Amino acid sequence: MAEENEKLNIRLHVYDTDIPVKVNREEEFFYREAAKLISSTVNRYAERYKTKKSEKEILYMAMIDISLRYEKEKGNNDTSEYDNILSSLTKEIERVL
């Protein structure tokens, strides 16, 4: 029981900052991967816009980039249309039986 819910104190390096975080052991990998994604995205925007945009704007651009990827992926995994079709077919089958 204790192992699955065991909390770890880890340090994530995100862009130019180390952040202490307490995480569930089974989620550590995802936190580390998220930190890598944030760092690489911010670095990409920083390389491109360092002299043209403020650091705050660069961070917002990276957040929008990552959020856009998330929203697209969430849309790809939306099963509500299939659920509606299956529900309709189930009702039709039940009516016929």
PDB file of N, CA and C in Angstrom:
ATOM      1  N   MET A   1       0.813  -1.189   0.000  1.00  0.00           N
ATOM      2  CA  MET A   1       0.000   0.000   0.000  1.00  0.00           C
ATOM      3  C   MET A   1       0.860   1.258   0.000  1.00  0.00           C
ATOM      4  N   ALA A   2       1.837   1.305   0.873  1.00  0.00           N
ATOM      5  CA  ALA A   2       2.647   2.514   1.054  1.00  0.00           C
ATOM      6  C   ALA A   2       3.474   2.838  -0.177  1.00  0.00           C
ATOM      7  N   GLU A   3       3.953   1.788  -0.877  1.00  0.00           N
ATOM      8  CA  GLU A   3       4.841   2.062  -1.997  1.00  0.00           C
ATOM      9  C   GLU A   3       4.166   2.809  -3.129  1.00  0.00           C
ATOM     10  N   GLU A   4       2.940   2.427  -3.485  1.00  0.00           N
ATOM     11  CA  GLU A   4       2.257   3.085  -4.592  1.00  0.00           C
ATOM     12  C   GLU A   4       1.960   4.546  -4.302  1.00  0.00           C
ATOM     13  N   ASN A   5       1.637   4.873  -3.074  1.00  0.00           N
ATOM     14  CA  ASN A   5       1.305   6.244  -2.722  1.00  0.00           C
ATOM     15  C   ASN A   5       2.485   6.994  -2.125  1.00  0.00           C
ATOM     16  N   GLU A   6       3.665   6.387  -2.192  1.00  0.00           N
ATOM     17  CA  GLU A   6       4.844   7.012  -1.610  1.00  0.00           C
ATOM     18  C   GLU A   6       5.194   8.291  -2.377  1.00  0.00           C
ATOM     19  N   LYS A   7       5.440   9.333  -1.619  1.00  0.00           N
ATOM     20  CA  LYS A   7       5.800  10.622  -2.214  1.00  0.00           C
ATOM     21  C   LYS A   7       7.317  10.738  -2.282  1.00  0.00           C
ATOM     22  N   LEU A   8       7.804  11.302  -3.348  1.00  0.00           N
ATOM     23  CA  LEU A   8       9.227  11.559  -3.524  1.00  0.00           C
ATOM     24  C   LEU A   8       9.454  13.058  -3.586  1.00  0.00           C
ATOM     25  N   ASN A   9      10.542  13.487  -3.027  1.00  0.00           N
ATOM     26  CA  ASN A   9      10.980  14.866  -3.190  1.00  0.00           C
ATOM     27  C   ASN A   9      12.004  14.867  -4.308  1.00  0.00           C
ATOM     28  N   ILE A  10      11.645  15.508  -5.411  1.00  0.00           N
ATOM     29  CA  ILE A  10      12.566  15.558  -6.556  1.00  0.00           C
ATOM     30  C   ILE A  10      12.832  17.004  -6.918  1.00  0.00           C
ATOM     31  N   ARG A  11      13.870  17.201  -7.713  1.00  0.00           N
ATOM     32  CA  ARG A  11      14.220  18.525  -8.204  1.00  0.00           C
ATOM     33  C   ARG A  11      14.107  18.488  -9.720  1.00  0.00           C
ATOM     34  N   LEU A  12      13.264  19.354 -10.247  1.00  0.00           N
ATOM     35  CA  LEU A  12      13.099  19.431 -11.700  1.00  0.00           C
ATOM     36  C   LEU A  12      13.844  20.648 -12.214  1.00  0.00           C
ATOM     37  N   HIS A  13      14.619  20.440 -13.260  1.00  0.00           N
ATOM     38  CA  HIS A  13      15.263  21.580 -13.908  1.00  0.00           C
ATOM     39  C   HIS A  13      14.354  22.002 -15.065  1.00  0.00           C
ATOM     40  N   VAL A  14      13.766  23.180 -14.921  1.00  0.00           N
ATOM     41  CA  VAL A  14      12.841  23.695 -15.929  1.00  0.00           C
ATOM     42  C   VAL A  14      13.438  24.988 -16.470  1.00  0.00           C
ATOM     43  N   TYR A  15      13.851  24.921 -17.726  1.00  0.00           N
ATOM     44  CA  TYR A  15      14.494  26.030 -18.430  1.00  0.00           C
ATOM     45  C   TYR A  15      15.723  26.500 -17.673  1.00  0.00           C
ATOM     46  N   ASP A  16      15.628  27.546 -16.880  1.00  0.00           N
ATOM     47  CA  ASP A  16      16.808  28.028 -16.163  1.00  0.00           C
ATOM     48  C   ASP A  16      16.610  28.006 -14.650  1.00  0.00           C
ATOM     49  N   THR A  17      15.671  27.185 -14.186  1.00  0.00           N
ATOM     50  CA  THR A  17      15.317  27.163 -12.775  1.00  0.00           C
ATOM     51  C   THR A  17      15.191  25.725 -12.275  1.00  0.00           C
ATOM     52  N   ASP A  18      15.690  25.483 -11.067  1.00  0.00           N
ATOM     53  CA  ASP A  18      15.469  24.203 -10.401  1.00  0.00           C
ATOM     54  C   ASP A  18      14.285  24.365  -9.466  1.00  0.00           C
ATOM     55  N   ILE A  19      13.342  23.424  -9.584  1.00  0.00           N
ATOM     56  CA  ILE A  19      12.110  23.512  -8.808  1.00  0.00           C
ATOM     57  C   ILE A  19      11.959  22.243  -7.976  1.00  0.00           C
ATOM     58  N   PRO A  20      11.876  22.382  -6.645  1.00  0.00           N
ATOM     59  CA  PRO A  20      11.614  21.199  -5.822  1.00  0.00           C
ATOM     60  C   PRO A  20      10.129  20.842  -5.893  1.00  0.00           C
ATOM     61  N   VAL A  21       9.853  19.553  -6.085  1.00  0.00           N
ATOM     62  CA  VAL A  21       8.470  19.099  -6.224  1.00  0.00           C
ATOM     63  C   VAL A  21       8.318  17.794  -5.450  1.00  0.00           C
ATOM     64  N   LYS A  22       7.187  17.639  -4.796  1.00  0.00           N
ATOM     65  CA  LYS A  22       6.854  16.389  -4.125  1.00  0.00           C
ATOM     66  C   LYS A  22       5.848  15.667  -5.017  1.00  0.00           C
ATOM     67  N   VAL A  23       6.203  14.462  -5.468  1.00  0.00           N
ATOM     68  CA  VAL A  23       5.373  13.751  -6.440  1.00  0.00           C
ATOM     69  C   VAL A  23       5.127  12.319  -5.986  1.00  0.00           C
ATOM     70  N   ASN A  24       4.065  11.728  -6.514  1.00  0.00           N
ATOM     71  CA  ASN A  24       3.851  10.300  -6.333  1.00  0.00           C
ATOM     72  C   ASN A  24       4.925   9.554  -7.112  1.00  0.00           C
ATOM     73  N   ARG A  25       5.453   8.495  -6.522  1.00  0.00           N
ATOM     74  CA  ARG A  25       6.534   7.725  -7.150  1.00  0.00           C
ATOM     75  C   ARG A  25       6.177   7.317  -8.585  1.00  0.00           C
ATOM     76  N   GLU A  26       4.927   6.868  -8.783  1.00  0.00           N
ATOM     77  CA  GLU A  26       4.543   6.383 -10.115  1.00  0.00           C
ATOM     78  C   GLU A  26       4.403   7.509 -11.140  1.00  0.00           C
ATOM     79  N   GLU A  27       4.396   8.738 -10.701  1.00  0.00           N
ATOM     80  CA  GLU A  27       4.285   9.871 -11.623  1.00  0.00           C
ATOM     81  C   GLU A  27       5.606  10.588 -11.868  1.00  0.00           C
ATOM     82  N   GLU A  28       6.669  10.151 -11.221  1.00  0.00           N
ATOM     83  CA  GLU A  28       7.967  10.835 -11.350  1.00  0.00           C
ATOM     84  C   GLU A  28       8.404  10.967 -12.806  1.00  0.00           C
ATOM     85  N   PHE A  29       8.297   9.888 -13.556  1.00  0.00           N
ATOM     86  CA  PHE A  29       8.710   9.901 -14.954  1.00  0.00           C
ATOM     87  C   PHE A  29       7.983  11.002 -15.733  1.00  0.00           C
ATOM     88  N   PHE A  30       6.685  11.122 -15.510  1.00  0.00           N
ATOM     89  CA  PHE A  30       5.888  12.105 -16.246  1.00  0.00           C
ATOM     90  C   PHE A  30       6.278  13.535 -15.874  1.00  0.00           C
ATOM     91  N   TYR A  31       6.565  13.755 -14.602  1.00  0.00           N
ATOM     92  CA  TYR A  31       7.036  15.079 -14.187  1.00  0.00           C
ATOM     93  C   TYR A  31       8.355  15.417 -14.863  1.00  0.00           C
ATOM     94  N   ARG A  32       9.266  14.460 -14.902  1.00  0.00           N
ATOM     95  CA  ARG A  32      10.577  14.713 -15.522  1.00  0.00           C
ATOM     96  C   ARG A  32      10.435  14.959 -17.029  1.00  0.00           C
ATOM     97  N   GLU A  33       9.571  14.200 -17.654  1.00  0.00           N
ATOM     98  CA  GLU A  33       9.336  14.404 -19.094  1.00  0.00           C
ATOM     99  C   GLU A  33       8.678  15.758 -19.357  1.00  0.00           C
ATOM    100  N   ALA A  34       7.754  16.164 -18.498  1.00  0.00           N
ATOM    101  CA  ALA A  34       7.110  17.469 -18.634  1.00  0.00           C
ATOM    102  C   ALA A  34       8.141  18.583 -18.500  1.00  0.00           C
ATOM    103  N   ALA A  35       9.051  18.452 -17.544  1.00  0.00           N
ATOM    104  CA  ALA A  35      10.101  19.457 -17.358  1.00  0.00           C
ATOM    105  C   ALA A  35      10.987  19.544 -18.602  1.00  0.00           C
ATOM    106  N   LYS A  36      11.315  18.390 -19.197  1.00  0.00           N
ATOM    107  CA  LYS A  36      12.120  18.377 -20.429  1.00  0.00           C
ATOM    108  C   LYS A  36      11.381  19.071 -21.575  1.00  0.00           C
ATOM    109  N   LEU A  37      10.079  18.781 -21.694  1.00  0.00           N
ATOM    110  CA  LEU A  37       9.277  19.394 -22.755  1.00  0.00           C
ATOM    111  C   LEU A  37       9.234  20.911 -22.595  1.00  0.00           C
ATOM    112  N   ILE A  38       8.993  21.367 -21.376  1.00  0.00           N
ATOM    113  CA  ILE A  38       8.950  22.812 -21.124  1.00  0.00           C
ATOM    114  C   ILE A  38      10.291  23.436 -21.459  1.00  0.00           C
ATOM    115  N   SER A  39      11.363  22.845 -20.977  1.00  0.00           N
ATOM    116  CA  SER A  39      12.701  23.399 -21.209  1.00  0.00           C
ATOM    117  C   SER A  39      13.037  23.466 -22.692  1.00  0.00           C
ATOM    118  N   SER A  40      12.774  22.393 -23.403  1.00  0.00           N
ATOM    119  CA  SER A  40      13.117  22.392 -24.833  1.00  0.00           C
ATOM    120  C   SER A  40      12.256  23.385 -25.611  1.00  0.00           C
ATOM    121  N   THR A  41      10.991  23.513 -25.245  1.00  0.00           N
ATOM    122  CA  THR A  41      10.114  24.462 -25.940  1.00  0.00           C
ATOM    123  C   THR A  41      10.532  25.897 -25.657  1.00  0.00           C
ATOM    124  N   VAL A  42      10.800  26.211 -24.397  1.00  0.00           N
ATOM    125  CA  VAL A  42      11.243  27.569 -24.057  1.00  0.00           C
ATOM    126  C   VAL A  42      12.588  27.859 -24.725  1.00  0.00           C
ATOM    127  N   ASN A  43      13.500  26.899 -24.710  1.00  0.00           N
ATOM    128  CA  ASN A  43      14.802  27.101 -25.367  1.00  0.00           C
ATOM    129  C   ASN A  43      14.648  27.403 -26.850  1.00  0.00           C
ATOM    130  N   ARG A  44      13.743  26.686 -27.499  1.00  0.00           N
ATOM    131  CA  ARG A  44      13.516  26.909 -28.935  1.00  0.00           C
ATOM    132  C   ARG A  44      13.028  28.332 -29.188  1.00  0.00           C
ATOM    133  N   TYR A  45      12.073  28.803 -28.392  1.00  0.00           N
ATOM    134  CA  TYR A  45      11.570  30.166 -28.562  1.00  0.00           C
ATOM    135  C   TYR A  45      12.619  31.194 -28.146  1.00  0.00           C
ATOM    136  N   ALA A  46      13.380  30.894 -27.107  1.00  0.00           N
ATOM    137  CA  ALA A  46      14.410  31.831 -26.647  1.00  0.00           C
ATOM    138  C   ALA A  46      15.487  32.022 -27.710  1.00  0.00           C
ATOM    139  N   GLU A  47      15.896  30.934 -28.355  1.00  0.00           N
ATOM    140  CA  GLU A  47      16.895  31.036 -29.422  1.00  0.00           C
ATOM    141  C   GLU A  47      16.389  31.915 -30.566  1.00  0.00           C
ATOM    142  N   ARG A  48      15.139  31.784 -30.856  1.00  0.00           N
ATOM    143  CA  ARG A  48      14.573  32.498 -31.993  1.00  0.00           C
ATOM    144  C   ARG A  48      14.252  33.964 -31.689  1.00  0.00           C
ATOM    145  N   TYR A  49      13.779  34.256 -30.468  1.00  0.00           N
ATOM    146  CA  TYR A  49      13.263  35.591 -30.165  1.00  0.00           C
ATOM    147  C   TYR A  49      13.993  36.321 -29.039  1.00  0.00           C
ATOM    148  N   LYS A  50      15.141  35.823 -28.604  1.00  0.00           N
ATOM    149  CA  LYS A  50      15.820  36.370 -27.424  1.00  0.00           C
ATOM    150  C   LYS A  50      15.987  37.890 -27.483  1.00  0.00           C
ATOM    151  N   THR A  51      16.388  38.421 -28.607  1.00  0.00           N
ATOM    152  CA  THR A  51      16.626  39.866 -28.712  1.00  0.00           C
ATOM    153  C   THR A  51      15.372  40.636 -29.125  1.00  0.00           C
ATOM    154  N   LYS A  52      14.323  39.935 -29.498  1.00  0.00           N
ATOM    155  CA  LYS A  52      13.126  40.602 -30.012  1.00  0.00           C
ATOM    156  C   LYS A  52      11.967  40.628 -29.018  1.00  0.00           C
ATOM    157  N   LYS A  53      11.945  39.663 -28.086  1.00  0.00           N
ATOM    158  CA  LYS A  53      10.815  39.539 -27.157  1.00  0.00           C
ATOM    159  C   LYS A  53      11.346  39.489 -25.726  1.00  0.00           C
ATOM    160  N   SER A  54      10.487  39.878 -24.786  1.00  0.00           N
ATOM    161  CA  SER A  54      10.859  39.778 -23.371  1.00  0.00           C
ATOM    162  C   SER A  54      10.817  38.305 -22.949  1.00  0.00           C
ATOM    163  N   GLU A  55      11.458  38.009 -21.828  1.00  0.00           N
ATOM    164  CA  GLU A  55      11.445  36.639 -21.326  1.00  0.00           C
ATOM    165  C   GLU A  55      10.019  36.197 -21.015  1.00  0.00           C
ATOM    166  N   LYS A  56       9.228  37.110 -20.497  1.00  0.00           N
ATOM    167  CA  LYS A  56       7.826  36.804 -20.186  1.00  0.00           C
ATOM    168  C   LYS A  56       7.067  36.412 -21.452  1.00  0.00           C
ATOM    169  N   GLU A  57       7.266  37.154 -22.538  1.00  0.00           N
ATOM    170  CA  GLU A  57       6.589  36.825 -23.803  1.00  0.00           C
ATOM    171  C   GLU A  57       7.049  35.474 -24.323  1.00  0.00           C
ATOM    172  N   ILE A  58       8.339  35.188 -24.183  1.00  0.00           N
ATOM    173  CA  ILE A  58       8.874  33.901 -24.628  1.00  0.00           C
ATOM    174  C   ILE A  58       8.240  32.765 -23.833  1.00  0.00           C
ATOM    175  N   LEU A  59       8.109  32.949 -22.526  1.00  0.00           N
ATOM    176  CA  LEU A  59       7.468  31.923 -21.697  1.00  0.00           C
ATOM    177  C   LEU A  59       6.011  31.720 -22.091  1.00  0.00           C
ATOM    178  N   TYR A  60       5.300  32.811 -22.358  1.00  0.00           N
ATOM    179  CA  TYR A  60       3.898  32.697 -22.784  1.00  0.00           C
ATOM    180  C   TYR A  60       3.793  31.995 -24.135  1.00  0.00           C
ATOM    181  N   MET A  61       4.700  32.296 -25.040  1.00  0.00           N
ATOM    182  CA  MET A  61       4.684  31.637 -26.345  1.00  0.00           C
ATOM    183  C   MET A  61       4.886  30.133 -26.175  1.00  0.00           C
ATOM    184  N   ALA A  62       5.804  29.747 -25.286  1.00  0.00           N
ATOM    185  CA  ALA A  62       6.045  28.327 -25.034  1.00  0.00           C
ATOM    186  C   ALA A  62       4.815  27.675 -24.402  1.00  0.00           C
ATOM    187  N   MET A  63       4.165  28.372 -23.466  1.00  0.00           N
ATOM    188  CA  MET A  63       2.956  27.827 -22.843  1.00  0.00           C
ATOM    189  C   MET A  63       1.855  27.637 -23.876  1.00  0.00           C
ATOM    190  N   ILE A  64       1.709  28.582 -24.779  1.00  0.00           N
ATOM    191  CA  ILE A  64       0.689  28.452 -25.825  1.00  0.00           C
ATOM    192  C   ILE A  64       1.011  27.262 -26.715  1.00  0.00           C
ATOM    193  N   ASP A  65       2.273  27.113 -27.087  1.00  0.00           N
ATOM    194  CA  ASP A  65       2.707  26.002 -27.925  1.00  0.00           C
ATOM    195  C   ASP A  65       2.350  24.667 -27.268  1.00  0.00           C
ATOM    196  N   ILE A  66       2.732  24.506 -26.005  1.00  0.00           N
ATOM    197  CA  ILE A  66       2.471  23.247 -25.297  1.00  0.00           C
ATOM    198  C   ILE A  66       0.969  23.032 -25.106  1.00  0.00           C
ATOM    199  N   SER A  67       0.244  24.081 -24.781  1.00  0.00           N
ATOM    200  CA  SER A  67      -1.215  23.972 -24.592  1.00  0.00           C
ATOM    201  C   SER A  67      -1.905  23.597 -25.891  1.00  0.00           C
ATOM    202  N   LEU A  68      -1.445  24.155 -26.989  1.00  0.00           N
ATOM    203  CA  LEU A  68      -2.017  23.832 -28.289  1.00  0.00           C
ATOM    204  C   LEU A  68      -1.820  22.353 -28.601  1.00  0.00           C
ATOM    205  N   ARG A  69      -0.626  21.837 -28.342  1.00  0.00           N
ATOM    206  CA  ARG A  69      -0.377  20.406 -28.554  1.00  0.00           C
ATOM    207  C   ARG A  69      -1.328  19.568 -27.689  1.00  0.00           C
ATOM    208  N   TYR A  70      -1.490  19.969 -26.442  1.00  0.00           N
ATOM    209  CA  TYR A  70      -2.375  19.257 -25.514  1.00  0.00           C
ATOM    210  C   TYR A  70      -3.817  19.263 -26.020  1.00  0.00           C
ATOM    211  N   GLU A  71      -4.299  20.431 -26.433  1.00  0.00           N
ATOM    212  CA  GLU A  71      -5.680  20.540 -26.909  1.00  0.00           C
ATOM    213  C   GLU A  71      -5.902  19.715 -28.166  1.00  0.00           C
ATOM    214  N   LYS A  72      -4.926  19.716 -29.074  1.00  0.00           N
ATOM    215  CA  LYS A  72      -5.056  18.902 -30.288  1.00  0.00           C
ATOM    216  C   LYS A  72      -5.112  17.428 -29.934  1.00  0.00           C
ATOM    217  N   GLU A  73      -4.244  17.000 -29.036  1.00  0.00           N
ATOM    218  CA  GLU A  73      -4.213  15.602 -28.627  1.00  0.00           C
ATOM    219  C   GLU A  73      -5.502  15.215 -27.911  1.00  0.00           C
ATOM    220  N   LYS A  74      -5.988  16.104 -27.066  1.00  0.00           N
ATOM    221  CA  LYS A  74      -7.250  15.855 -26.365  1.00  0.00           C
ATOM    222  C   LYS A  74      -8.382  15.691 -27.377  1.00  0.00           C
ATOM    223  N   GLY A  75      -8.377  16.514 -28.417  1.00  0.00           N
ATOM    224  CA  GLY A  75      -9.396  16.408 -29.460  1.00  0.00           C
ATOM    225  C   GLY A  75      -9.304  15.106 -30.228  1.00  0.00           C
ATOM    226  N   ASN A  76      -8.076  14.627 -30.430  1.00  0.00           N
ATOM    227  CA  ASN A  76      -7.884  13.354 -31.125  1.00  0.00           C
ATOM    228  C   ASN A  76      -8.381  12.180 -30.302  1.00  0.00           C
ATOM    229  N   ASN A  77      -8.418  12.339 -29.002  1.00  0.00           N
ATOM    230  CA  ASN A  77      -8.841  11.256 -28.112  1.00  0.00           C
ATOM    231  C   ASN A  77     -10.287  11.395 -27.661  1.00  0.00           C
ATOM    232  N   ASP A  78     -11.013  12.336 -28.219  1.00  0.00           N
ATOM    233  CA  ASP A  78     -12.409  12.534 -27.837  1.00  0.00           C
ATOM    234  C   ASP A  78     -13.250  11.421 -28.445  1.00  0.00           C
ATOM    235  N   THR A  79     -13.859  10.646 -27.598  1.00  0.00           N
ATOM    236  CA  THR A  79     -14.651   9.501 -28.068  1.00  0.00           C
ATOM    237  C   THR A  79     -16.144   9.751 -27.976  1.00  0.00           C
ATOM    238  N   SER A  80     -16.555  10.964 -27.663  1.00  0.00           N
ATOM    239  CA  SER A  80     -17.983  11.221 -27.465  1.00  0.00           C
ATOM    240  C   SER A  80     -18.799  10.914 -28.722  1.00  0.00           C
ATOM    241  N   GLU A  81     -18.256  11.194 -29.891  1.00  0.00           N
ATOM    242  CA  GLU A  81     -18.984  10.898 -31.130  1.00  0.00           C
ATOM    243  C   GLU A  81     -19.222   9.401 -31.262  1.00  0.00           C
ATOM    244  N   TYR A  82     -18.202   8.592 -30.973  1.00  0.00           N
ATOM    245  CA  TYR A  82     -18.342   7.136 -31.040  1.00  0.00           C
ATOM    246  C   TYR A  82     -19.287   6.632 -29.957  1.00  0.00           C
ATOM    247  N   ASP A  83     -19.202   7.230 -28.776  1.00  0.00           N
ATOM    248  CA  ASP A  83     -20.096   6.842 -27.688  1.00  0.00           C
ATOM    249  C   ASP A  83     -21.554   7.082 -28.071  1.00  0.00           C
ATOM    250  N   ASN A  84     -21.819   8.207 -28.725  1.00  0.00           N
ATOM    251  CA  ASN A  84     -23.187   8.516 -29.162  1.00  0.00           C
ATOM    252  C   ASN A  84     -23.683   7.514 -30.198  1.00  0.00           C
ATOM    253  N   ILE A  85     -22.807   7.154 -31.124  1.00  0.00           N
ATOM    254  CA  ILE A  85     -23.177   6.186 -32.158  1.00  0.00           C
ATOM    255  C   ILE A  85     -23.459   4.826 -31.526  1.00  0.00           C
ATOM    256  N   LEU A  86     -22.576   4.394 -30.614  1.00  0.00           N
ATOM    257  CA  LEU A  86     -22.776   3.107 -29.950  1.00  0.00           C
ATOM    258  C   LEU A  86     -24.051   3.098 -29.123  1.00  0.00           C
ATOM    259  N   SER A  87     -24.320   4.183 -28.464  1.00  0.00           N
ATOM    260  CA  SER A  87     -25.543   4.279 -27.672  1.00  0.00           C
ATOM    261  C   SER A  87     -26.766   4.178 -28.569  1.00  0.00           C
ATOM    262  N   SER A  88     -26.725   4.864 -29.675  1.00  0.00           N
ATOM    263  CA  SER A  88     -27.839   4.828 -30.619  1.00  0.00           C
ATOM    264  C   SER A  88     -28.039   3.420 -31.183  1.00  0.00           C
ATOM    265  N   LEU A  89     -26.931   2.778 -31.546  1.00  0.00           N
ATOM    266  CA  LEU A  89     -27.022   1.409 -32.068  1.00  0.00           C
ATOM    267  C   LEU A  89     -27.545   0.435 -31.002  1.00  0.00           C
ATOM    268  N   THR A  90     -27.092   0.602 -29.776  1.00  0.00           N
ATOM    269  CA  THR A  90     -27.561  -0.246 -28.688  1.00  0.00           C
ATOM    270  C   THR A  90     -29.061  -0.100 -28.484  1.00  0.00           C
ATOM    271  N   LYS A  91     -29.546   1.125 -28.521  1.00  0.00           N
ATOM    272  CA  LYS A  91     -30.989   1.360 -28.359  1.00  0.00           C
ATOM    273  C   LYS A  91     -31.763   0.715 -29.500  1.00  0.00           C
ATOM    274  N   GLU A  92     -31.222   0.818 -30.703  1.00  0.00           N
ATOM    275  CA  GLU A  92     -31.894   0.249 -31.868  1.00  0.00           C
ATOM    276  C   GLU A  92     -31.940  -1.281 -31.749  1.00  0.00           C
ATOM    277  N   ILE A  93     -30.853  -1.886 -31.341  1.00  0.00           N
ATOM    278  CA  ILE A  93     -30.798  -3.348 -31.180  1.00  0.00           C
ATOM    279  C   ILE A  93     -31.776  -3.801 -30.101  1.00  0.00           C
ATOM    280  N   GLU A  94     -31.776  -3.081 -28.974  1.00  0.00           N
ATOM    281  CA  GLU A  94     -32.701  -3.416 -27.884  1.00  0.00           C
ATOM    282  C   GLU A  94     -34.148  -3.288 -28.314  1.00  0.00           C
ATOM    283  N   ARG A  95     -34.446  -2.248 -29.131  1.00  0.00           N
ATOM    284  CA  ARG A  95     -35.808  -2.070 -29.619  1.00  0.00           C
ATOM    285  C   ARG A  95     -36.226  -3.227 -30.502  1.00  0.00           C
ATOM    286  N   VAL A  96     -35.332  -3.690 -31.366  1.00  0.00           N
ATOM    287  CA  VAL A  96     -35.641  -4.775 -32.284  1.00  0.00           C
ATOM    288  C   VAL A  96     -35.788  -6.099 -31.542  1.00  0.00           C
ATOM    289  N   LEU A  97     -34.969  -6.291 -30.543  1.00  0.00           N
ATOM    290  CA  LEU A  97     -35.045  -7.568 -29.781  1.00  0.00           C
ATOM    291  C   LEU A  97     -36.285  -7.573 -28.939  1.00  0.00           C
TER     292      LEU A  97
END
